[in-house]
């Protein structure tokens, strides 16, 4: 990574990506979006199967 980024940029990235609070926030955000996607998908499937009579 040393060829692409300066030492200052690497330090900023390490400070952001290895911050435990930020890691937890990213995981919670991902879990919330996953749950939302599952809910939307289940509703769409349910709607289409009811229409088809299955």
Protein backbone atom coordinates (compact mmCIF):
# COMPACT_ATOMS: atom_id res chain seq x y z
CA UNK A 1 0.00 0.00 0.00
CA UNK A 2 2.93 2.29 0.41
CA UNK A 3 3.13 3.03 -3.30
CA UNK A 4 -0.48 4.13 -3.65
CA UNK A 5 -1.05 6.03 -0.41
CA UNK A 6 1.03 8.43 1.62
CA UNK A 7 1.89 7.66 5.23
CA UNK A 8 -0.64 10.24 6.40
CA UNK A 9 -3.43 8.66 4.36
CA UNK A 10 -2.59 5.21 5.72
CA UNK A 11 -2.68 6.57 9.28
CA UNK A 12 -6.12 8.10 8.68
CA UNK A 13 -7.44 4.85 7.21
CA UNK A 14 -6.08 2.80 10.10
CA UNK A 15 -7.60 5.19 12.63
CA UNK A 16 -11.01 4.90 10.95
CA UNK A 17 -11.10 1.21 10.09
CA UNK A 18 -9.63 -0.12 13.33
CA UNK A 19 -11.87 1.99 15.56
CA UNK A 20 -14.05 -0.52 17.46
CA UNK A 21 -17.02 1.84 17.59
CA UNK A 22 -16.96 2.34 13.82
CA UNK A 23 -16.69 -1.42 13.25
CA UNK A 24 -19.76 -1.99 15.45
CA UNK A 25 -21.66 0.77 13.63
CA UNK A 26 -20.85 -0.77 10.24
CA UNK A 27 -21.94 -4.22 11.46
CA UNK A 28 -25.23 -2.87 12.85
CA UNK A 29 -25.89 -0.93 9.65
CA UNK A 30 -25.23 -4.06 7.58
CA UNK A 31 -27.48 -6.19 9.80
CA UNK A 32 -30.28 -3.62 9.62
CA UNK A 33 -30.11 -3.43 5.83
CA UNK A 34 -30.00 -7.23 5.61
CA UNK A 35 -33.11 -7.50 7.78
CA UNK A 36 -34.85 -4.86 5.68
CA UNK A 37 -33.95 -6.74 2.50
CA UNK A 38 -35.26 -10.01 3.93
CA UNK A 39 -38.51 -8.35 4.97
CA UNK A 40 -39.04 -6.75 1.55
CA UNK A 41 -38.18 -10.00 -0.24
CA UNK A 42 -40.52 -12.04 1.94
CA UNK A 43 -43.37 -9.60 1.33
CA UNK A 44 -42.80 -9.66 -2.43
CA UNK A 45 -42.67 -13.45 -2.52
CA UNK A 46 -45.75 -13.75 -0.36
CA UNK A 47 -47.63 -11.30 -2.59
CA UNK A 48 -46.72 -13.16 -5.79
CA UNK A 49 -47.46 -16.62 -4.40
CA UNK A 50 -50.87 -15.50 -3.16
CA UNK A 51 -51.64 -14.10 -6.62
CA UNK A 52 -50.61 -17.34 -8.32
CA UNK A 53 -52.64 -19.45 -5.90
CA UNK A 54 -49.77 -21.47 -4.44
